């Protein structure tokens, strides 16, 4: 591996390299050597910017979790527009994109990473899933306030069903992500009762 390659934005390039390795080789293949090889730089570059590999992974997950906050804001802004099912289908497709779905097993796979994430942020031990849960719960609450979901709808149960089921739909990457139609069918079935019983 070349040792003199200069990385203009080392953190960003290392994060992007880690994502490529994670998508290609899964959590087991994600090592500091694999990341620096993918980035085309010396192994020491990673350790110049991060105390150790778990610190690097923690920053990677926190950075990607922060990106989901923008998508969560967009979901909340959609309350009262379009259809509830359509908004949730779009949100699940974004929140469970290839990178977030690949990061979830990485968190499960590494105990030290989970411990550091818990220290770094509330609910951090299940980062990504926590962001998706918060976003969908807040959106459903907004729609309930607007009368598009029944006033007595159990937001917590709906959220768990949508996040848990949504994650399962997107977790198997071998045949590719689920179609929009299959996600919409799933969402529609989960929320059908809450939407059907809403006041006229």
Protein backbone atom coordinates (compact mmCIF):
# COMPACT_ATOMS: atom_id res chain seq x y z
CA UNK A 1 0.00 0.00 0.00
CA UNK A 2 1.36 3.46 -0.78
CA UNK A 3 2.38 5.47 2.26
CA UNK A 4 2.62 8.88 0.63
CA UNK A 5 -0.97 9.25 -0.59
CA UNK A 6 -2.39 12.52 0.74
CA UNK A 7 -6.05 12.46 1.70
CA UNK A 8 -7.52 15.94 1.41
CA UNK A 9 -10.43 15.07 3.69
CA UNK A 10 -9.17 11.96 5.46
CA UNK A 11 -12.19 11.42 7.71
CA UNK A 12 -14.68 11.61 4.86
CA UNK A 13 -12.62 9.38 2.59
CA UNK A 14 -12.07 6.81 5.34
CA UNK A 15 -15.80 6.81 6.14
CA UNK A 16 -16.67 6.29 2.47
CA UNK A 17 -14.09 3.51 2.19
CA UNK A 18 -15.55 1.83 5.29
CA UNK A 19 -19.03 1.96 3.76
CA UNK A 20 -17.82 0.30 0.56
CA UNK A 21 -16.13 -2.48 2.54
CA UNK A 22 -19.19 -2.92 4.74
CA UNK A 23 -21.54 -3.20 1.77
CA UNK A 24 -19.24 -5.59 -0.06
CA UNK A 25 -17.85 -7.77 2.75
CA UNK A 26 -20.20 -7.25 5.72
CA UNK A 27 -19.26 -6.59 9.37
CA UNK A 28 -16.75 -9.46 9.48
CA UNK A 29 -14.76 -7.94 6.63
CA UNK A 30 -14.58 -4.46 8.13
CA UNK A 31 -11.08 -4.10 9.60
CA UNK A 32 -8.76 -1.13 9.83
CA UNK A 33 -6.54 -2.73 7.17
CA UNK A 34 -9.52 -3.26 4.85
CA UNK A 35 -10.57 0.38 5.28
CA UNK A 36 -7.12 1.86 4.61
CA UNK A 37 -6.56 -0.52 1.69
CA UNK A 38 -9.92 0.56 0.23
CA UNK A 39 -9.02 4.23 0.76
CA UNK A 40 -5.59 3.67 -0.84
CA UNK A 41 -3.62 4.98 2.11
CA UNK A 42 -1.26 3.76 4.81
CA UNK A 43 -2.79 2.14 7.90
CA UNK A 44 -1.26 4.88 10.04
CA UNK A 45 -3.54 7.48 8.43
CA UNK A 46 -6.56 6.06 10.26
CA UNK A 47 -4.73 6.07 13.59
CA UNK A 48 -3.59 9.66 13.10
CA UNK A 49 -7.23 10.75 13.07
CA UNK A 50 -8.76 8.25 15.52
CA UNK A 51 -7.39 6.75 18.76
CA UNK A 52 -8.38 3.22 17.74
CA UNK A 53 -10.62 1.36 15.30
CA UNK A 54 -13.66 1.35 17.59
CA UNK A 55 -13.35 5.14 17.91
CA UNK A 56 -13.35 5.32 14.11
CA UNK A 57 -16.44 3.10 13.88
CA UNK A 58 -18.21 5.14 16.57
CA UNK A 59 -17.63 8.35 14.60
CA UNK A 60 -18.76 6.63 11.41
CA UNK A 61 -22.04 5.49 12.97
CA UNK A 62 -22.69 8.86 14.64
CA UNK A 63 -22.03 10.66 11.36
CA UNK A 64 -24.46 8.43 9.48
CA UNK A 65 -27.04 8.65 12.27
CA UNK A 66 -26.85 12.46 12.08
CA UNK A 67 -27.60 12.27 8.35
CA UNK A 68 -30.83 10.46 9.19
CA UNK A 69 -31.94 13.48 11.23
CA UNK A 70 -32.36 15.43 7.99
CA UNK A 71 -34.52 12.65 6.59
CA UNK A 72 -36.50 12.56 9.84
CA UNK A 73 -37.20 16.28 9.52
CA UNK A 74 -38.42 15.77 5.97
CA UNK A 75 -40.80 13.04 7.16
CA UNK A 76 -42.29 15.29 9.84
CA UNK A 77 -42.65 18.11 7.32
CA UNK A 78 -44.74 15.79 5.13
CA UNK A 79 -47.45 15.40 7.81
CA UNK A 80 -50.81 16.48 6.41
CA UNK A 81 -49.67 16.13 2.79
CA UNK A 82 -50.00 13.21 0.39
CA UNK A 83 -51.10 9.99 2.09
CA UNK A 84 -49.93 8.58 5.40
CA UNK A 85 -49.02 5.28 3.73
CA UNK A 86 -47.16 7.03 0.93
CA UNK A 87 -45.17 9.19 3.33
CA UNK A 88 -44.22 6.21 5.49
CA UNK A 89 -43.28 4.10 2.48
CA UNK A 90 -40.95 6.82 1.25
CA UNK A 91 -39.49 7.29 4.74
CA UNK A 92 -38.81 3.58 5.32
CA UNK A 93 -37.11 3.32 1.92
CA UNK A 94 -34.79 6.19 2.87
CA UNK A 95 -34.23 5.33 6.53
CA UNK A 96 -33.43 1.73 5.65
CA UNK A 97 -31.23 2.48 2.66
CA UNK A 98 -28.18 0.27 1.97
CA UNK A 99 -25.78 2.07 4.35
CA UNK A 100 -28.08 2.26 7.41
CA UNK A 101 -29.09 -1.38 6.94
CA UNK A 102 -25.42 -2.42 6.69
CA UNK A 103 -24.51 -0.47 9.83
CA UNK A 104 -27.15 -2.14 12.04
CA UNK A 105 -25.46 -5.58 12.07
CA UNK A 106 -22.10 -3.88 12.59
CA UNK A 107 -23.44 -2.40 15.83
CA UNK A 108 -24.83 -5.80 16.84
CA UNK A 109 -21.54 -7.48 15.95
CA UNK A 110 -19.24 -5.27 18.07
CA UNK A 111 -19.84 -4.98 21.83
CA UNK A 112 -17.30 -2.17 22.28
CA UNK A 113 -18.94 -0.13 19.53
CA UNK A 114 -22.36 -0.46 21.22
CA UNK A 115 -20.85 0.61 24.56
CA UNK A 116 -19.27 3.70 23.03
CA UNK A 117 -22.43 4.64 21.18
CA UNK A 118 -24.42 4.42 24.42
CA UNK A 119 -21.97 6.88 26.00
CA UNK A 120 -22.13 9.22 23.02
CA UNK A 121 -25.88 9.60 22.59
CA UNK A 122 -29.21 8.59 24.14
CA UNK A 123 -30.32 5.31 22.61
CA UNK A 124 -26.95 5.14 20.88
CA UNK A 125 -26.58 1.44 21.51
CA UNK A 126 -29.16 0.89 18.79
CA UNK A 127 -28.19 3.86 16.63
CA UNK A 128 -29.90 3.96 13.23
CA UNK A 129 -32.85 1.96 14.56
CA UNK A 130 -33.24 4.60 17.28
CA UNK A 131 -33.26 7.39 14.68
CA UNK A 132 -35.83 5.54 12.57
CA UNK A 133 -38.01 4.89 15.65
CA UNK A 134 -37.92 8.52 16.77
CA UNK A 135 -38.68 9.82 13.29
CA UNK A 136 -41.64 7.54 12.64
CA UNK A 137 -43.10 7.98 16.11
CA UNK A 138 -42.98 11.78 15.82
CA UNK A 139 -44.53 11.67 12.34
CA UNK A 140 -47.38 9.40 13.47
CA UNK A 141 -48.05 11.68 16.44
CA UNK A 142 -48.22 14.68 14.09
CA UNK A 143 -50.67 12.85 11.81
CA UNK A 144 -52.79 11.91 14.83
CA UNK A 145 -52.90 15.58 15.84
CA UNK A 146 -54.04 16.41 12.31
CA UNK A 147 -56.81 13.80 12.51
CA UNK A 148 -55.43 11.59 9.74
CA UNK A 149 -54.78 8.79 12.24
CA UNK A 150 -57.32 7.73 14.88
CA UNK A 151 -57.12 9.66 18.14
CA UNK A 152 -56.87 6.43 20.12
CA UNK A 153 -54.21 4.85 17.87
CA UNK A 154 -51.33 3.24 19.78
CA UNK A 155 -48.40 5.19 18.34
CA UNK A 156 -45.76 3.10 20.16
CA UNK A 157 -47.11 -0.19 18.79
CA UNK A 158 -47.50 1.19 15.27
CA UNK A 159 -43.94 2.52 15.39
CA UNK A 160 -42.49 -0.78 16.58
CA UNK A 161 -44.37 -2.64 13.87
CA UNK A 162 -43.23 -0.26 11.13
CA UNK A 163 -39.58 -0.09 12.25
CA UNK A 164 -39.23 -3.79 13.04
CA UNK A 165 -41.04 -4.98 9.96
CA UNK A 166 -39.39 -2.35 7.79
CA UNK A 167 -35.95 -3.43 8.94
CA UNK A 168 -36.75 -7.07 8.15
CA UNK A 169 -37.98 -6.11 4.68
CA UNK A 170 -34.75 -4.29 3.85
CA UNK A 171 -32.27 -6.48 5.77
CA UNK A 172 -31.88 -9.20 3.13
CA UNK A 173 -29.75 -7.52 0.48
CA UNK A 174 -29.05 -10.58 -1.67
CA UNK A 175 -32.03 -10.25 -4.01
CA UNK A 176 -31.87 -6.46 -3.72
CA UNK A 177 -34.09 -4.05 -1.78
CA UNK A 178 -37.85 -4.61 -1.70
CA UNK A 179 -39.96 -2.91 -4.34
CA UNK A 180 -41.88 0.24 -3.51
CA UNK A 181 -45.09 -1.73 -4.04
CA UNK A 182 -44.13 -4.35 -1.45
CA UNK A 183 -43.13 -1.68 1.09
CA UNK A 184 -46.40 0.18 0.46
CA UNK A 185 -48.39 -3.05 0.91
CA UNK A 186 -46.63 -3.70 4.23
CA UNK A 187 -47.15 -0.12 5.49
CA UNK A 188 -50.79 -0.06 4.41
CA UNK A 189 -51.52 -3.28 6.30
CA UNK A 190 -49.82 -2.04 9.49
CA UNK A 191 -51.65 1.29 9.61
CA UNK A 192 -54.96 0.18 8.05
CA UNK A 193 -56.92 0.01 11.28
CA UNK A 194 -55.61 3.32 12.61
CA UNK A 195 -56.37 5.12 9.35
CA UNK A 196 -59.74 3.41 8.83
CA UNK A 197 -60.98 4.41 12.28
CA UNK A 198 -59.93 8.06 12.05
CA UNK A 199 -62.68 10.67 12.45
CA UNK A 200 -64.30 11.92 9.24
